[in-house]
């Protein structure tokens, strides 16, 4: 299994996921300074030229949510996903895909000072609805699905953490407390040293 990685990319989240799983894999560093991600060898793996990417034998998986979901299902004994027939499976998928399909595009537009001219036609709606939904989905205690930490927390919690570090949002006390719990996990601390330095500097 190969994980295509650069710490200054979204691959930091999938690196964290792999650490949570404690599985052997090869980390393949992609050098942005030489635009290695835009060279033919890498673009044959991911034509977008973006990170992360995962190769498992002949299987190629890209996109943070997809990689985390794939890995959680591949290693069910690690319990980073509810069982396929679990009633929690629907909520699990919601957390995985709300993060990348709704939160990130909304925040990406906002940080550029842009507002979609017709929010009703955009899948991510508008900022007030996104923030309200984040608040409602953030757990008061524990993790997204209860007591068991899962890939939903890696993806959803990881994006909230990213958003706080880069000041994409001002978190409520509940969101800040959830992200603080995320930051205490050993696998997070091992893979996010640069983020932790940024948060400590304020």
C-alpha atoms as a PDB file:
ATOM      1  CA  UNK A   1       0.000   0.000   0.000  1.00  0.00           C
ATOM      2  CA  UNK A   2       1.394   3.418  -1.024  1.00  0.00           C
ATOM      3  CA  UNK A   3       0.261   6.765   0.371  1.00  0.00           C
ATOM      4  CA  UNK A   4       1.182   9.788  -1.739  1.00  0.00           C
ATOM      5  CA  UNK A   5       1.873  12.569   0.723  1.00  0.00           C
ATOM      6  CA  UNK A   6       3.047  16.076   1.418  1.00  0.00           C
ATOM      7  CA  UNK A   7       2.560  17.564   4.909  1.00  0.00           C
ATOM      8  CA  UNK A   8       1.363  20.842   3.374  1.00  0.00           C
ATOM      9  CA  UNK A   9      -1.624  19.183   1.769  1.00  0.00           C
ATOM     10  CA  UNK A  10      -4.849  17.407   2.673  1.00  0.00           C
ATOM     11  CA  UNK A  11      -2.768  14.236   2.839  1.00  0.00           C
ATOM     12  CA  UNK A  12      -2.073  15.206   6.449  1.00  0.00           C
ATOM     13  CA  UNK A  13      -5.572  13.907   7.217  1.00  0.00           C
ATOM     14  CA  UNK A  14      -5.109  10.557   5.488  1.00  0.00           C
ATOM     15  CA  UNK A  15      -1.670  10.255   7.101  1.00  0.00           C
ATOM     16  CA  UNK A  16      -3.434  10.631  10.447  1.00  0.00           C
ATOM     17  CA  UNK A  17      -5.984   7.993   9.439  1.00  0.00           C
ATOM     18  CA  UNK A  18      -3.195   5.555   8.601  1.00  0.00           C
ATOM     19  CA  UNK A  19      -1.563   6.237  11.976  1.00  0.00           C
ATOM     20  CA  UNK A  20      -4.860   5.562  13.753  1.00  0.00           C
ATOM     21  CA  UNK A  21      -5.053   2.219  11.934  1.00  0.00           C
ATOM     22  CA  UNK A  22      -1.406   1.349  12.692  1.00  0.00           C
ATOM     23  CA  UNK A  23      -0.969  -0.467   9.385  1.00  0.00           C
ATOM     24  CA  UNK A  24       2.193  -0.875   7.350  1.00  0.00           C
ATOM     25  CA  UNK A  25       2.386   1.228   4.206  1.00  0.00           C
ATOM     26  CA  UNK A  26       4.869   3.158   2.107  1.00  0.00           C
ATOM     27  CA  UNK A  27       4.705   6.915   2.369  1.00  0.00           C
ATOM     28  CA  UNK A  28       5.628   8.450  -1.003  1.00  0.00           C
ATOM     29  CA  UNK A  29       6.639  12.093  -0.635  1.00  0.00           C
ATOM     30  CA  UNK A  30       5.492  14.350  -3.474  1.00  0.00           C
ATOM     31  CA  UNK A  31       7.618  17.467  -3.812  1.00  0.00           C
ATOM     32  CA  UNK A  32       5.564  20.583  -4.538  1.00  0.00           C
ATOM     33  CA  UNK A  33       8.673  22.724  -5.086  1.00  0.00           C
ATOM     34  CA  UNK A  34       9.523  20.736  -8.219  1.00  0.00           C
ATOM     35  CA  UNK A  35       5.833  20.415  -9.168  1.00  0.00           C
ATOM     36  CA  UNK A  36       6.166  16.653  -8.940  1.00  0.00           C
ATOM     37  CA  UNK A  37       2.393  16.444  -8.519  1.00  0.00           C
ATOM     38  CA  UNK A  38       1.963  17.825 -12.048  1.00  0.00           C
ATOM     39  CA  UNK A  39       4.407  15.444 -13.692  1.00  0.00           C
ATOM     40  CA  UNK A  40       3.176  12.556 -15.789  1.00  0.00           C
ATOM     41  CA  UNK A  41       4.161   9.817 -13.347  1.00  0.00           C
ATOM     42  CA  UNK A  42       1.938  11.185 -10.604  1.00  0.00           C
ATOM     43  CA  UNK A  43      -0.840  12.415 -12.904  1.00  0.00           C
ATOM     44  CA  UNK A  44      -1.204   8.848 -14.173  1.00  0.00           C
ATOM     45  CA  UNK A  45      -2.274   8.083 -10.606  1.00  0.00           C
ATOM     46  CA  UNK A  46      -4.374  11.208 -10.043  1.00  0.00           C
ATOM     47  CA  UNK A  47      -5.056  13.353 -13.115  1.00  0.00           C
ATOM     48  CA  UNK A  48      -6.088  16.198 -10.787  1.00  0.00           C
ATOM     49  CA  UNK A  49      -2.486  16.458  -9.626  1.00  0.00           C
ATOM     50  CA  UNK A  50      -3.782  16.768  -6.066  1.00  0.00           C
ATOM     51  CA  UNK A  51      -2.963  14.987  -2.831  1.00  0.00           C
ATOM     52  CA  UNK A  52      -3.673  12.637  -1.195  1.00  0.00           C
ATOM     53  CA  UNK A  53      -3.769   9.469  -3.243  1.00  0.00           C
ATOM     54  CA  UNK A  54      -3.649   5.872  -2.087  1.00  0.00           C
ATOM     55  CA  UNK A  55      -2.569   2.859  -4.116  1.00  0.00           C
ATOM     56  CA  UNK A  56      -3.543  -0.536  -2.749  1.00  0.00           C
ATOM     57  CA  UNK A  57      -2.230  -3.006  -5.284  1.00  0.00           C
ATOM     58  CA  UNK A  58      -3.964  -1.985  -8.514  1.00  0.00           C
ATOM     59  CA  UNK A  59      -6.656  -0.007  -6.699  1.00  0.00           C
ATOM     60  CA  UNK A  60      -6.290   3.776  -6.743  1.00  0.00           C
ATOM     61  CA  UNK A  61      -8.279   5.883  -4.297  1.00  0.00           C
ATOM     62  CA  UNK A  62      -8.217   9.685  -4.184  1.00  0.00           C
ATOM     63  CA  UNK A  63     -10.123  12.277  -2.092  1.00  0.00           C
ATOM     64  CA  UNK A  64      -9.815  12.425   1.686  1.00  0.00           C
ATOM     65  CA  UNK A  65     -13.280  11.079   2.514  1.00  0.00           C
ATOM     66  CA  UNK A  66     -12.983   8.240   0.018  1.00  0.00           C
ATOM     67  CA  UNK A  67      -9.554   7.177   1.276  1.00  0.00           C
ATOM     68  CA  UNK A  68     -10.627   7.241   4.915  1.00  0.00           C
ATOM     69  CA  UNK A  69     -13.815   5.302   4.149  1.00  0.00           C
ATOM     70  CA  UNK A  70     -11.878   2.762   2.077  1.00  0.00           C
ATOM     71  CA  UNK A  71      -9.292   2.203   4.801  1.00  0.00           C
ATOM     72  CA  UNK A  72     -11.845   1.932   7.591  1.00  0.00           C
ATOM     73  CA  UNK A  73     -13.752  -0.751   5.672  1.00  0.00           C
ATOM     74  CA  UNK A  74     -10.588  -2.593   4.660  1.00  0.00           C
ATOM     75  CA  UNK A  75      -9.571  -3.009   8.294  1.00  0.00           C
ATOM     76  CA  UNK A  76     -12.867  -3.576  10.162  1.00  0.00           C
ATOM     77  CA  UNK A  77     -11.037  -5.070  13.139  1.00  0.00           C
ATOM     78  CA  UNK A  78      -9.707  -1.573  13.912  1.00  0.00           C
ATOM     79  CA  UNK A  79     -13.291  -0.377  14.507  1.00  0.00           C
ATOM     80  CA  UNK A  80     -12.899   2.955  12.728  1.00  0.00           C
ATOM     81  CA  UNK A  81     -16.232   2.475  10.958  1.00  0.00           C
ATOM     82  CA  UNK A  82     -19.580   1.117  12.135  1.00  0.00           C
ATOM     83  CA  UNK A  83     -20.491  -2.291  10.776  1.00  0.00           C
ATOM     84  CA  UNK A  84     -22.094  -2.309   7.326  1.00  0.00           C
ATOM     85  CA  UNK A  85     -25.436  -3.352   8.817  1.00  0.00           C
ATOM     86  CA  UNK A  86     -25.241  -0.896  11.742  1.00  0.00           C
ATOM     87  CA  UNK A  87     -27.892   1.780  12.215  1.00  0.00           C
ATOM     88  CA  UNK A  88     -24.987   4.222  12.648  1.00  0.00           C
ATOM     89  CA  UNK A  89     -23.883   3.760   9.061  1.00  0.00           C
ATOM     90  CA  UNK A  90     -26.086   6.560   7.707  1.00  0.00           C
ATOM     91  CA  UNK A  91     -24.807   9.126  10.203  1.00  0.00           C
ATOM     92  CA  UNK A  92     -21.259   7.937   9.513  1.00  0.00           C
ATOM     93  CA  UNK A  93     -21.614   8.639   5.792  1.00  0.00           C
ATOM     94  CA  UNK A  94     -23.170  12.008   6.527  1.00  0.00           C
ATOM     95  CA  UNK A  95     -20.152  13.127   8.555  1.00  0.00           C
ATOM     96  CA  UNK A  96     -17.729  11.872   5.918  1.00  0.00           C
ATOM     97  CA  UNK A  97     -19.344  13.679   3.029  1.00  0.00           C
ATOM     98  CA  UNK A  98     -20.740  16.802   4.692  1.00  0.00           C
ATOM     99  CA  UNK A  99     -17.163  17.808   5.512  1.00  0.00           C
ATOM    100  CA  UNK A 100     -15.763  17.739   1.980  1.00  0.00           C
ATOM    101  CA  UNK A 101     -18.939  18.340  -0.053  1.00  0.00           C
ATOM    102  CA  UNK A 102     -20.343  21.215   2.003  1.00  0.00           C
ATOM    103  CA  UNK A 103     -18.028  22.683   4.640  1.00  0.00           C
ATOM    104  CA  UNK A 104     -14.885  22.947   2.529  1.00  0.00           C
ATOM    105  CA  UNK A 105     -16.406  24.578  -0.586  1.00  0.00           C
ATOM    106  CA  UNK A 106     -18.315  27.060   1.577  1.00  0.00           C
ATOM    107  CA  UNK A 107     -15.236  28.022   3.564  1.00  0.00           C
ATOM    108  CA  UNK A 108     -13.058  28.095   0.442  1.00  0.00           C
ATOM    109  CA  UNK A 109     -15.371  30.649  -1.164  1.00  0.00           C
ATOM    110  CA  UNK A 110     -15.615  32.669   2.026  1.00  0.00           C
ATOM    111  CA  UNK A 111     -11.858  32.945   2.568  1.00  0.00           C
ATOM    112  CA  UNK A 112     -11.607  34.410  -0.963  1.00  0.00           C
ATOM    113  CA  UNK A 113     -14.311  36.947  -0.142  1.00  0.00           C
ATOM    114  CA  UNK A 114     -16.784  35.296  -2.490  1.00  0.00           C
ATOM    115  CA  UNK A 115     -20.469  34.533  -2.071  1.00  0.00           C
ATOM    116  CA  UNK A 116     -22.373  32.252  -4.422  1.00  0.00           C
ATOM    117  CA  UNK A 117     -24.917  34.418  -6.293  1.00  0.00           C
ATOM    118  CA  UNK A 118     -27.645  31.788  -5.909  1.00  0.00           C
ATOM    119  CA  UNK A 119     -27.131  29.858  -2.655  1.00  0.00           C
ATOM    120  CA  UNK A 120     -30.287  27.850  -3.242  1.00  0.00           C
ATOM    121  CA  UNK A 121     -28.645  26.235  -6.285  1.00  0.00           C
ATOM    122  CA  UNK A 122     -25.350  25.420  -4.523  1.00  0.00           C
ATOM    123  CA  UNK A 123     -25.016  22.106  -2.719  1.00  0.00           C
ATOM    124  CA  UNK A 124     -23.296  23.856   0.187  1.00  0.00           C
ATOM    125  CA  UNK A 125     -26.000  26.501   0.606  1.00  0.00           C
ATOM    126  CA  UNK A 126     -24.787  29.538   2.538  1.00  0.00           C
ATOM    127  CA  UNK A 127     -22.576  30.265   5.541  1.00  0.00           C
ATOM    128  CA  UNK A 128     -25.302  30.597   8.201  1.00  0.00           C
ATOM    129  CA  UNK A 129     -26.709  27.173   7.313  1.00  0.00           C
ATOM    130  CA  UNK A 130     -23.272  25.564   7.201  1.00  0.00           C
ATOM    131  CA  UNK A 131     -22.319  26.946  10.621  1.00  0.00           C
ATOM    132  CA  UNK A 132     -25.679  25.955  12.093  1.00  0.00           C
ATOM    133  CA  UNK A 133     -25.251  22.422  10.771  1.00  0.00           C
ATOM    134  CA  UNK A 134     -21.681  22.155  12.050  1.00  0.00           C
ATOM    135  CA  UNK A 135     -22.962  23.174  15.478  1.00  0.00           C
ATOM    136  CA  UNK A 136     -25.772  20.638  15.425  1.00  0.00           C
ATOM    137  CA  UNK A 137     -23.495  17.797  14.236  1.00  0.00           C
ATOM    138  CA  UNK A 138     -20.647  18.456  16.674  1.00  0.00           C
ATOM    139  CA  UNK A 139     -20.904  16.135  19.678  1.00  0.00           C
ATOM    140  CA  UNK A 140     -21.123  17.581  23.189  1.00  0.00           C
ATOM    141  CA  UNK A 141     -18.866  14.794  24.486  1.00  0.00           C
ATOM    142  CA  UNK A 142     -16.990  11.895  22.959  1.00  0.00           C
ATOM    143  CA  UNK A 143     -17.040  11.452  19.225  1.00  0.00           C
ATOM    144  CA  UNK A 144     -19.289  11.907  16.222  1.00  0.00           C
ATOM    145  CA  UNK A 145     -20.963   8.512  16.630  1.00  0.00           C
ATOM    146  CA  UNK A 146     -20.759   8.305  20.406  1.00  0.00           C
ATOM    147  CA  UNK A 147     -18.049   6.656  22.477  1.00  0.00           C
ATOM    148  CA  UNK A 148     -16.244   5.026  19.530  1.00  0.00           C
ATOM    149  CA  UNK A 149     -13.770   7.213  17.589  1.00  0.00           C
ATOM    150  CA  UNK A 150     -14.178   6.603  13.829  1.00  0.00           C
ATOM    151  CA  UNK A 151     -13.096   7.858  10.426  1.00  0.00           C
ATOM    152  CA  UNK A 152     -15.999  10.311  10.711  1.00  0.00           C
ATOM    153  CA  UNK A 153     -13.983  12.146  13.359  1.00  0.00           C
ATOM    154  CA  UNK A 154     -10.843  12.057  11.238  1.00  0.00           C
ATOM    155  CA  UNK A 155     -12.647  13.692   8.307  1.00  0.00           C
ATOM    156  CA  UNK A 156     -15.192  15.969  10.031  1.00  0.00           C
ATOM    157  CA  UNK A 157     -13.083  16.790  13.082  1.00  0.00           C
ATOM    158  CA  UNK A 158      -9.960  17.103  10.973  1.00  0.00           C
ATOM    159  CA  UNK A 159     -11.579  19.693   8.707  1.00  0.00           C
ATOM    160  CA  UNK A 160     -12.882  21.680  11.677  1.00  0.00           C
ATOM    161  CA  UNK A 161      -9.359  21.623  13.109  1.00  0.00           C
ATOM    162  CA  UNK A 162      -7.944  22.819   9.772  1.00  0.00           C
ATOM    163  CA  UNK A 163     -10.583  25.561   9.619  1.00  0.00           C
ATOM    164  CA  UNK A 164      -9.674  26.796  13.098  1.00  0.00           C
ATOM    165  CA  UNK A 165      -5.917  26.778  12.430  1.00  0.00           C
ATOM    166  CA  UNK A 166      -6.362  28.888   9.298  1.00  0.00           C
ATOM    167  CA  UNK A 167      -9.089  31.011  10.909  1.00  0.00           C
ATOM    168  CA  UNK A 168     -11.782  30.059   8.437  1.00  0.00           C
ATOM    169  CA  UNK A 169     -14.268  30.187  11.277  1.00  0.00           C
ATOM    170  CA  UNK A 170     -14.661  31.299  14.867  1.00  0.00           C
ATOM    171  CA  UNK A 171     -15.602  28.098  16.702  1.00  0.00           C
ATOM    172  CA  UNK A 172     -18.283  27.878  19.334  1.00  0.00           C
ATOM    173  CA  UNK A 173     -17.209  26.497  22.739  1.00  0.00           C
ATOM    174  CA  UNK A 174     -18.672  23.105  21.786  1.00  0.00           C
ATOM    175  CA  UNK A 175     -16.737  22.942  18.498  1.00  0.00           C
ATOM    176  CA  UNK A 176     -13.530  24.154  20.169  1.00  0.00           C
ATOM    177  CA  UNK A 177     -13.854  21.481  22.870  1.00  0.00           C
ATOM    178  CA  UNK A 178     -14.413  18.745  20.258  1.00  0.00           C
ATOM    179  CA  UNK A 179     -11.355  19.846  18.276  1.00  0.00           C
ATOM    180  CA  UNK A 180      -9.325  19.940  21.490  1.00  0.00           C
ATOM    181  CA  UNK A 181     -10.259  16.286  22.104  1.00  0.00           C
ATOM    182  CA  UNK A 182      -9.153  15.523  18.548  1.00  0.00           C
ATOM    183  CA  UNK A 183      -5.786  17.184  19.213  1.00  0.00           C
ATOM    184  CA  UNK A 184      -5.105  14.998  22.224  1.00  0.00           C
ATOM    185  CA  UNK A 185      -5.082  11.776  20.232  1.00  0.00           C
ATOM    186  CA  UNK A 186      -1.563  10.310  19.925  1.00  0.00           C
ATOM    187  CA  UNK A 187      -1.929   9.614  16.185  1.00  0.00           C
ATOM    188  CA  UNK A 188      -3.053  13.197  15.576  1.00  0.00           C
ATOM    189  CA  UNK A 189      -0.138  14.591  17.562  1.00  0.00           C
ATOM    190  CA  UNK A 190       2.308  12.412  15.666  1.00  0.00           C
ATOM    191  CA  UNK A 191       1.091  13.577  12.267  1.00  0.00           C
ATOM    192  CA  UNK A 192       0.167  17.207  12.990  1.00  0.00           C
ATOM    193  CA  UNK A 193       3.247  18.630  14.698  1.00  0.00           C
ATOM    194  CA  UNK A 194       3.269  21.714  12.443  1.00  0.00           C
ATOM    195  CA  UNK A 195      -0.408  22.373  13.163  1.00  0.00           C
ATOM    196  CA  UNK A 196       0.185  22.057  16.893  1.00  0.00           C
ATOM    197  CA  UNK A 197       3.006  24.596  16.672  1.00  0.00           C
ATOM    198  CA  UNK A 198       0.671  27.027  14.878  1.00  0.00           C
ATOM    199  CA  UNK A 199      -2.044  26.635  17.505  1.00  0.00           C
ATOM    200  CA  UNK A 200       0.410  27.123  20.348  1.00  0.00           C
ATOM    201  CA  UNK A 201       1.660  30.338  18.740  1.00  0.00           C
ATOM    202  CA  UNK A 202      -1.934  31.532  18.476  1.00  0.00           C
END
